[in-house]
Protein backbone atom coordinates (compact mmCIF):
# COMPACT_ATOMS: atom_id res chain seq x y z
CA UNK A 1 0.00 0.00 0.00
CA UNK A 2 0.92 3.60 -0.29
CA UNK A 3 1.49 6.20 2.39
CA UNK A 4 0.00 9.65 2.87
CA UNK A 5 2.01 12.64 4.08
CA UNK A 6 0.00 14.06 6.98
CA UNK A 7 2.32 16.89 8.02
CA UNK A 8 5.74 18.45 8.37
CA UNK A 9 7.12 19.62 11.72
CA UNK A 10 10.54 21.22 12.08
CA UNK A 11 11.47 19.83 8.66
CA UNK A 12 10.46 16.25 9.55
CA UNK A 13 7.82 14.65 7.31
CA UNK A 14 5.14 12.51 8.98
CA UNK A 15 3.37 9.72 7.10
CA UNK A 16 0.42 7.39 7.66
CA UNK A 17 -0.68 4.33 5.72
CA UNK A 18 -3.33 5.16 3.11
CA UNK A 19 -5.89 2.74 4.58
CA UNK A 20 -5.35 4.12 8.08
CA UNK A 21 -5.62 7.67 6.72
CA UNK A 22 -9.01 6.92 5.13
CA UNK A 23 -10.27 6.00 8.62
CA UNK A 24 -8.78 9.10 10.34
CA UNK A 25 -9.10 11.74 7.59
CA UNK A 26 -11.91 13.64 9.38
CA UNK A 27 -9.83 13.86 12.56
CA UNK A 28 -7.20 16.40 13.63
CA UNK A 29 -4.33 14.42 15.20
CA UNK A 30 -1.70 16.04 17.41
CA UNK A 31 1.47 14.08 18.15
CA UNK A 32 3.15 15.28 21.34
CA UNK A 33 5.87 14.17 23.75
CA UNK A 34 5.16 14.14 27.49
CA UNK A 35 6.97 12.93 30.60
CA UNK A 36 6.44 9.25 31.33
CA UNK A 37 7.44 5.75 30.33
CA UNK A 38 6.68 4.84 26.76
CA UNK A 39 5.26 1.73 25.27
CA UNK A 40 5.19 0.66 21.66
CA UNK A 41 5.95 4.15 20.30
CA UNK A 42 8.28 5.38 23.03
CA UNK A 43 11.05 7.90 22.62
CA UNK A 44 14.65 6.89 23.12
CA UNK A 45 15.02 4.66 26.20
CA UNK A 46 16.10 6.53 29.29
CA UNK A 47 14.71 9.93 28.26
CA UNK A 48 11.72 9.76 30.59
CA UNK A 49 9.50 10.91 27.71
CA UNK A 50 6.80 9.18 25.68
CA UNK A 51 4.60 9.97 22.70
CA UNK A 52 0.90 10.78 23.04
CA UNK A 53 -1.67 11.42 20.30
CA UNK A 54 -4.59 13.74 20.93
CA UNK A 55 -7.53 13.87 18.53
CA UNK A 56 -10.63 15.89 17.69
CA UNK A 57 -12.97 16.08 14.71
CA UNK A 58 -12.34 18.89 12.24
CA UNK A 59 -14.75 21.82 12.30
CA UNK A 60 -16.93 22.36 9.23
CA UNK A 61 -14.69 25.24 8.16
CA UNK A 62 -11.51 23.17 8.53
CA UNK A 63 -13.05 20.25 6.63
CA UNK A 64 -14.14 22.54 3.78
CA UNK A 65 -10.57 23.84 3.43
CA UNK A 66 -9.01 20.37 3.66
CA UNK A 67 -11.45 18.96 1.11
CA UNK A 68 -10.11 21.50 -1.37
CA UNK A 69 -6.44 20.72 -0.59
CA UNK A 70 -5.82 16.95 -0.92
CA UNK A 71 -2.96 15.23 0.89
CA UNK A 72 0.21 14.08 -0.84
CA UNK A 73 0.16 10.37 -1.78
CA UNK A 74 3.55 8.65 -1.53
CA UNK A 75 4.59 5.33 -3.00
PDB file of N, CA and C in Angstrom:
ATOM      1  N   UNK A   1       0.805  -1.185   0.000  1.00  0.00           N
ATOM      2  CA  UNK A   1       0.000   0.000   0.000  1.00  0.00           C
ATOM      3  C   UNK A   1       0.847   1.247   0.000  1.00  0.00           C
ATOM      4  N   UNK A   2       0.205   2.332  -0.255  1.00  0.00           N
ATOM      5  CA  UNK A   2       0.916   3.598  -0.293  1.00  0.00           C
ATOM      6  C   UNK A   2       0.729   4.344   1.025  1.00  0.00           C
ATOM      7  N   UNK A   3       1.563   5.355   1.210  1.00  0.00           N
ATOM      8  CA  UNK A   3       1.486   6.199   2.393  1.00  0.00           C
ATOM      9  C   UNK A   3       0.939   7.565   2.010  1.00  0.00           C
ATOM     10  N   UNK A   4       0.509   8.303   3.025  1.00  0.00           N
ATOM     11  CA  UNK A   4      -0.002   9.654   2.865  1.00  0.00           C
ATOM     12  C   UNK A   4       0.817  10.550   3.779  1.00  0.00           C
ATOM     13  N   UNK A   5       1.297  11.677   3.246  1.00  0.00           N
ATOM     14  CA  UNK A   5       2.012  12.642   4.080  1.00  0.00           C
ATOM     15  C   UNK A   5       0.976  13.455   4.845  1.00  0.00           C
ATOM     16  N   UNK A   6       1.014  13.382   6.171  1.00  0.00           N
ATOM     17  CA  UNK A   6       0.004  14.063   6.982  1.00  0.00           C
ATOM     18  C   UNK A   6       0.508  15.353   7.603  1.00  0.00           C
ATOM     19  N   UNK A   7       1.810  15.637   7.481  1.00  0.00           N
ATOM     20  CA  UNK A   7       2.317  16.887   8.016  1.00  0.00           C
ATOM     21  C   UNK A   7       3.824  16.966   8.006  1.00  0.00           C
ATOM     22  N   UNK A   8       4.310  18.186   8.252  1.00  0.00           N
ATOM     23  CA  UNK A   8       5.742  18.446   8.367  1.00  0.00           C
ATOM     24  C   UNK A   8       5.939  19.304   9.606  1.00  0.00           C
ATOM     25  N   UNK A   9       6.813  18.878  10.504  1.00  0.00           N
ATOM     26  CA  UNK A   9       7.117  19.624  11.718  1.00  0.00           C
ATOM     27  C   UNK A   9       8.621  19.747  11.861  1.00  0.00           C
ATOM     28  N   UNK A  10       9.104  20.964  11.943  1.00  0.00           N
ATOM     29  CA  UNK A  10      10.540  21.220  12.076  1.00  0.00           C
ATOM     30  C   UNK A  10      11.331  20.486  10.999  1.00  0.00           C
ATOM     31  N   UNK A  11      10.797  20.457   9.782  1.00  0.00           N
ATOM     32  CA  UNK A  11      11.469  19.829   8.657  1.00  0.00           C
ATOM     33  C   UNK A  11      11.351  18.319   8.584  1.00  0.00           C
ATOM     34  N   UNK A  12      10.638  17.707   9.521  1.00  0.00           N
ATOM     35  CA  UNK A  12      10.463  16.254   9.547  1.00  0.00           C
ATOM     36  C   UNK A  12       9.088  15.909   8.971  1.00  0.00           C
ATOM     37  N   UNK A  13       9.069  15.058   7.954  1.00  0.00           N
ATOM     38  CA  UNK A  13       7.825  14.646   7.313  1.00  0.00           C
ATOM     39  C   UNK A  13       7.196  13.494   8.095  1.00  0.00           C
ATOM     40  N   UNK A  14       5.875  13.555   8.284  1.00  0.00           N
ATOM     41  CA  UNK A  14       5.135  12.508   8.977  1.00  0.00           C
ATOM     42  C   UNK A  14       4.191  11.839   7.994  1.00  0.00           C
ATOM     43  N   UNK A  15       4.160  10.501   8.037  1.00  0.00           N
ATOM     44  CA  UNK A  15       3.366   9.717   7.099  1.00  0.00           C
ATOM     45  C   UNK A  15       2.438   8.764   7.849  1.00  0.00           C
ATOM     46  N   UNK A  16       1.369   8.362   7.142  1.00  0.00           N
ATOM     47  CA  UNK A  16       0.415   7.389   7.658  1.00  0.00           C
ATOM     48  C   UNK A  16       0.039   6.489   6.481  1.00  0.00           C
ATOM     49  N   UNK A  17      -0.217   5.230   6.763  1.00  0.00           N
ATOM     50  CA  UNK A  17      -0.675   4.328   5.716  1.00  0.00           C
ATOM     51  C   UNK A  17      -1.980   4.823   5.115  1.00  0.00           C
ATOM     52  N   UNK A  18      -2.149   4.647   3.805  1.00  0.00           N
ATOM     53  CA  UNK A  18      -3.334   5.162   3.111  1.00  0.00           C
ATOM     54  C   UNK A  18      -4.629   4.599   3.689  1.00  0.00           C
ATOM     55  N   UNK A  19      -4.661   3.316   4.026  1.00  0.00           N
ATOM     56  CA  UNK A  19      -5.894   2.736   4.576  1.00  0.00           C
ATOM     57  C   UNK A  19      -6.193   3.299   5.963  1.00  0.00           C
ATOM     58  N   UNK A  20      -5.154   3.524   6.758  1.00  0.00           N
ATOM     59  CA  UNK A  20      -5.352   4.125   8.078  1.00  0.00           C
ATOM     60  C   UNK A  20      -5.814   5.575   7.926  1.00  0.00           C
ATOM     61  N   UNK A  21      -5.232   6.286   6.947  1.00  0.00           N
ATOM     62  CA  UNK A  21      -5.625   7.673   6.717  1.00  0.00           C
ATOM     63  C   UNK A  21      -7.102   7.782   6.349  1.00  0.00           C
ATOM     64  N   UNK A  22      -7.597   6.852   5.533  1.00  0.00           N
ATOM     65  CA  UNK A  22      -9.008   6.921   5.131  1.00  0.00           C
ATOM     66  C   UNK A  22      -9.933   6.805   6.346  1.00  0.00           C
ATOM     67  N   UNK A  23      -9.492   6.120   7.389  1.00  0.00           N
ATOM     68  CA  UNK A  23     -10.266   6.000   8.624  1.00  0.00           C
ATOM     69  C   UNK A  23     -10.202   7.290   9.447  1.00  0.00           C
ATOM     70  N   UNK A  24      -9.027   7.948   9.475  1.00  0.00           N
ATOM     71  CA  UNK A  24      -8.784   9.102  10.343  1.00  0.00           C
ATOM     72  C   UNK A  24      -8.895  10.452   9.639  1.00  0.00           C
ATOM     73  N   UNK A  25      -9.208  10.487   8.342  1.00  0.00           N
ATOM     74  CA  UNK A  25      -9.098  11.736   7.591  1.00  0.00           C
ATOM     75  C   UNK A  25      -9.989  12.869   8.095  1.00  0.00           C
ATOM     76  N   UNK A  26     -11.041  12.592   8.837  1.00  0.00           N
ATOM     77  CA  UNK A  26     -11.908  13.641   9.378  1.00  0.00           C
ATOM     78  C   UNK A  26     -11.464  14.102  10.767  1.00  0.00           C
ATOM     79  N   UNK A  27     -10.287  13.640  11.194  1.00  0.00           N
ATOM     80  CA  UNK A  27      -9.831  13.865  12.562  1.00  0.00           C
ATOM     81  C   UNK A  27      -8.509  14.619  12.588  1.00  0.00           C
ATOM     82  N   UNK A  28      -8.442  15.660  13.406  1.00  0.00           N
ATOM     83  CA  UNK A  28      -7.199  16.398  13.626  1.00  0.00           C
ATOM     84  C   UNK A  28      -6.389  15.621  14.662  1.00  0.00           C
ATOM     85  N   UNK A  29      -5.195  15.178  14.298  1.00  0.00           N
ATOM     86  CA  UNK A  29      -4.332  14.419  15.203  1.00  0.00           C
ATOM     87  C   UNK A  29      -3.151  15.281  15.607  1.00  0.00           C
ATOM     88  N   UNK A  30      -2.854  15.317  16.900  1.00  0.00           N
ATOM     89  CA  UNK A  30      -1.705  16.045  17.411  1.00  0.00           C
ATOM     90  C   UNK A  30      -0.772  15.054  18.081  1.00  0.00           C
ATOM     91  N   UNK A  31       0.443  14.935  17.556  1.00  0.00           N
ATOM     92  CA  UNK A  31       1.472  14.084  18.149  1.00  0.00           C
ATOM     93  C   UNK A  31       2.288  14.947  19.087  1.00  0.00           C
ATOM     94  N   UNK A  32       2.438  14.507  20.331  1.00  0.00           N
ATOM     95  CA  UNK A  32       3.153  15.278  21.338  1.00  0.00           C
ATOM     96  C   UNK A  32       4.075  14.348  22.108  1.00  0.00           C
ATOM     97  N   UNK A  33       4.988  14.924  22.857  1.00  0.00           N
ATOM     98  CA  UNK A  33       5.866  14.172  23.753  1.00  0.00           C
ATOM     99  C   UNK A  33       5.639  14.692  25.167  1.00  0.00           C
ATOM    100  N   UNK A  34       5.430  13.766  26.106  1.00  0.00           N
ATOM    101  CA  UNK A  34       5.158  14.141  27.488  1.00  0.00           C
ATOM    102  C   UNK A  34       6.019  13.288  28.416  1.00  0.00           C
ATOM    103  N   UNK A  35       6.216  13.750  29.650  1.00  0.00           N
ATOM    104  CA  UNK A  35       6.967  12.933  30.604  1.00  0.00           C
ATOM    105  C   UNK A  35       6.247  11.617  30.876  1.00  0.00           C
ATOM    106  N   UNK A  36       7.015  10.558  31.022  1.00  0.00           N
ATOM    107  CA  UNK A  36       6.443   9.253  31.334  1.00  0.00           C
ATOM    108  C   UNK A  36       7.194   8.145  30.634  1.00  0.00           C
ATOM    109  N   UNK A  37       6.829   6.914  30.963  1.00  0.00           N
ATOM    110  CA  UNK A  37       7.438   5.751  30.329  1.00  0.00           C
ATOM    111  C   UNK A  37       6.630   5.374  29.106  1.00  0.00           C
ATOM    112  N   UNK A  38       7.338   5.148  28.021  1.00  0.00           N
ATOM    113  CA  UNK A  38       6.678   4.838  26.761  1.00  0.00           C
ATOM    114  C   UNK A  38       6.336   3.374  26.634  1.00  0.00           C
ATOM    115  N   UNK A  39       5.619   3.094  25.595  1.00  0.00           N
ATOM    116  CA  UNK A  39       5.261   1.727  25.265  1.00  0.00           C
ATOM    117  C   UNK A  39       5.759   1.406  23.879  1.00  0.00           C
ATOM    118  N   UNK A  40       4.863   1.057  23.024  1.00  0.00           N
ATOM    119  CA  UNK A  40       5.190   0.662  21.663  1.00  0.00           C
ATOM    120  C   UNK A  40       5.850   1.793  20.872  1.00  0.00           C
ATOM    121  N   UNK A  41       5.423   3.028  21.058  1.00  0.00           N
ATOM    122  CA  UNK A  41       5.953   4.150  20.295  1.00  0.00           C
ATOM    123  C   UNK A  41       6.736   5.094  21.205  1.00  0.00           C
ATOM    124  N   UNK A  42       7.565   4.551  22.070  1.00  0.00           N
ATOM    125  CA  UNK A  42       8.275   5.379  23.032  1.00  0.00           C
ATOM    126  C   UNK A  42       9.431   6.121  22.374  1.00  0.00           C
ATOM    127  N   UNK A  43       9.851   7.190  23.025  1.00  0.00           N
ATOM    128  CA  UNK A  43      11.054   7.898  22.619  1.00  0.00           C
ATOM    129  C   UNK A  43      12.258   7.076  23.047  1.00  0.00           C
ATOM    130  N   UNK A  44      13.421   7.584  22.781  1.00  0.00           N
ATOM    131  CA  UNK A  44      14.653   6.889  23.124  1.00  0.00           C
ATOM    132  C   UNK A  44      14.632   6.433  24.581  1.00  0.00           C
ATOM    133  N   UNK A  45      15.004   5.197  24.830  1.00  0.00           N
ATOM    134  CA  UNK A  45      15.022   4.660  26.199  1.00  0.00           C
ATOM    135  C   UNK A  45      15.854   5.548  27.107  1.00  0.00           C
ATOM    136  N   UNK A  46      15.359   5.754  28.300  1.00  0.00           N
ATOM    137  CA  UNK A  46      16.097   6.530  29.286  1.00  0.00           C
ATOM    138  C   UNK A  46      15.826   8.019  29.247  1.00  0.00           C
ATOM    139  N   UNK A  47      14.981   8.494  28.330  1.00  0.00           N
ATOM    140  CA  UNK A  47      14.711   9.930  28.262  1.00  0.00           C
ATOM    141  C   UNK A  47      13.640  10.362  29.247  1.00  0.00           C
ATOM    142  N   UNK A  48      12.825   9.411  29.708  1.00  0.00           N
ATOM    143  CA  UNK A  48      11.722   9.760  30.594  1.00  0.00           C
ATOM    144  C   UNK A  48      10.567  10.424  29.858  1.00  0.00           C
ATOM    145  N   UNK A  49      10.551  10.308  28.525  1.00  0.00           N
ATOM    146  CA  UNK A  49       9.501  10.908  27.708  1.00  0.00           C
ATOM    147  C   UNK A  49       8.795   9.830  26.892  1.00  0.00           C
ATOM    148  N   UNK A  50       7.548  10.109  26.535  1.00  0.00           N
ATOM    149  CA  UNK A  50       6.797   9.184  25.685  1.00  0.00           C
ATOM    150  C   UNK A  50       5.923   9.987  24.733  1.00  0.00           C
ATOM    151  N   UNK A  51       5.503   9.336  23.649  1.00  0.00           N
ATOM    152  CA  UNK A  51       4.598   9.967  22.698  1.00  0.00           C
ATOM    153  C   UNK A  51       3.161   9.843  23.179  1.00  0.00           C
ATOM    154  N   UNK A  52       2.342  10.831  22.814  1.00  0.00           N
ATOM    155  CA  UNK A  52       0.902  10.783  23.041  1.00  0.00           C
ATOM    156  C   UNK A  52       0.230  11.406  21.817  1.00  0.00           C
ATOM    157  N   UNK A  53      -0.898  10.858  21.414  1.00  0.00           N
ATOM    158  CA  UNK A  53      -1.667  11.418  20.303  1.00  0.00           C
ATOM    159  C   UNK A  53      -3.003  11.900  20.845  1.00  0.00           C
ATOM    160  N   UNK A  54      -3.294  13.160  20.560  1.00  0.00           N
ATOM    161  CA  UNK A  54      -4.586  13.740  20.928  1.00  0.00           C
ATOM    162  C   UNK A  54      -5.397  13.909  19.642  1.00  0.00           C
ATOM    163  N   UNK A  55      -6.711  13.783  19.739  1.00  0.00           N
ATOM    164  CA  UNK A  55      -7.526  13.869  18.525  1.00  0.00           C
ATOM    165  C   UNK A  55      -8.811  14.647  18.778  1.00  0.00           C
ATOM    166  N   UNK A  56      -9.316  15.222  17.691  1.00  0.00           N
ATOM    167  CA  UNK A  56     -10.625  15.887  17.691  1.00  0.00           C
ATOM    168  C   UNK A  56     -11.113  15.899  16.251  1.00  0.00           C
ATOM    169  N   UNK A  57     -12.412  15.961  16.054  1.00  0.00           N
ATOM    170  CA  UNK A  57     -12.965  16.075  14.707  1.00  0.00           C
ATOM    171  C   UNK A  57     -12.710  17.479  14.171  1.00  0.00           C
ATOM    172  N   UNK A  58     -12.489  17.576  12.863  1.00  0.00           N
ATOM    173  CA  UNK A  58     -12.337  18.887  12.238  1.00  0.00           C
ATOM    174  C   UNK A  58     -13.649  19.649  12.297  1.00  0.00           C
ATOM    175  N   UNK A  59     -13.556  20.976  12.402  1.00  0.00           N
ATOM    176  CA  UNK A  59     -14.749  21.818  12.300  1.00  0.00           C
ATOM    177  C   UNK A  59     -15.214  21.814  10.842  1.00  0.00           C
ATOM    178  N   UNK A  60     -16.423  22.280  10.602  1.00  0.00           N
ATOM    179  CA  UNK A  60     -16.933  22.358   9.230  1.00  0.00           C
ATOM    180  C   UNK A  60     -16.034  23.234   8.360  1.00  0.00           C
ATOM    181  N   UNK A  61     -15.547  24.337   8.915  1.00  0.00           N
ATOM    182  CA  UNK A  61     -14.688  25.244   8.159  1.00  0.00           C
ATOM    183  C   UNK A  61     -13.356  24.576   7.818  1.00  0.00           C
ATOM    184  N   UNK A  62     -12.771  23.876   8.788  1.00  0.00           N
ATOM    185  CA  UNK A  62     -11.514  23.169   8.533  1.00  0.00           C
ATOM    186  C   UNK A  62     -11.704  22.086   7.471  1.00  0.00           C
ATOM    187  N   UNK A  63     -12.803  21.334   7.577  1.00  0.00           N
ATOM    188  CA  UNK A  63     -13.047  20.248   6.630  1.00  0.00           C
ATOM    189  C   UNK A  63     -13.266  20.792   5.218  1.00  0.00           C
ATOM    190  N   UNK A  64     -13.954  21.923   5.093  1.00  0.00           N
ATOM    191  CA  UNK A  64     -14.144  22.543   3.778  1.00  0.00           C
ATOM    192  C   UNK A  64     -12.799  22.884   3.158  1.00  0.00           C
ATOM    193  N   UNK A  65     -11.914  23.498   3.938  1.00  0.00           N
ATOM    194  CA  UNK A  65     -10.573  23.839   3.433  1.00  0.00           C
ATOM    195  C   UNK A  65      -9.803  22.580   3.039  1.00  0.00           C
ATOM    196  N   UNK A  66      -9.773  21.590   3.918  1.00  0.00           N
ATOM    197  CA  UNK A  66      -9.010  20.370   3.656  1.00  0.00           C
ATOM    198  C   UNK A  66      -9.554  19.601   2.455  1.00  0.00           C
ATOM    199  N   UNK A  67     -10.853  19.641   2.257  1.00  0.00           N
ATOM    200  CA  UNK A  67     -11.453  18.959   1.109  1.00  0.00           C
ATOM    201  C   UNK A  67     -10.977  19.554  -0.211  1.00  0.00           C
ATOM    202  N   UNK A  68     -10.589  20.817  -0.173  1.00  0.00           N
ATOM    203  CA  UNK A  68     -10.114  21.504  -1.374  1.00  0.00           C
ATOM    204  C   UNK A  68      -8.596  21.421  -1.537  1.00  0.00           C
ATOM    205  N   UNK A  69      -7.897  20.835  -0.567  1.00  0.00           N
ATOM    206  CA  UNK A  69      -6.438  20.717  -0.585  1.00  0.00           C
ATOM    207  C   UNK A  69      -6.055  19.279  -0.226  1.00  0.00           C
ATOM    208  N   UNK A  70      -6.080  18.377  -1.206  1.00  0.00           N
ATOM    209  CA  UNK A  70      -5.821  16.955  -0.918  1.00  0.00           C
ATOM    210  C   UNK A  70      -4.405  16.704  -0.401  1.00  0.00           C
ATOM    211  N   UNK A  71      -4.257  15.613   0.339  1.00  0.00           N
ATOM    212  CA  UNK A  71      -2.958  15.233   0.891  1.00  0.00           C
ATOM    213  C   UNK A  71      -2.068  14.650  -0.199  1.00  0.00           C
ATOM    214  N   UNK A  72      -0.775  14.612   0.097  1.00  0.00           N
ATOM    215  CA  UNK A  72       0.215  14.076  -0.838  1.00  0.00           C
ATOM    216  C   UNK A  72       0.294  12.561  -0.681  1.00  0.00           C
ATOM    217  N   UNK A  73       0.029  11.839  -1.763  1.00  0.00           N
ATOM    218  CA  UNK A  73       0.156  10.375  -1.778  1.00  0.00           C
ATOM    219  C   UNK A  73       1.608  10.011  -2.074  1.00  0.00           C
ATOM    220  N   UNK A  74       2.153   9.061  -1.357  1.00  0.00           N
ATOM    221  CA  UNK A  74       3.549   8.648  -1.529  1.00  0.00           C
ATOM    222  C   UNK A  74       3.608   7.145  -1.783  1.00  0.00           C
ATOM    223  N   UNK A  75       4.364   6.749  -2.767  1.00  0.00           N
ATOM    224  CA  UNK A  75       4.587   5.325  -3.002  1.00  0.00           C
ATOM    225  C   UNK A  75       3.611   4.647  -3.873  1.00  0.00           C
TER     226      UNK A  75
END
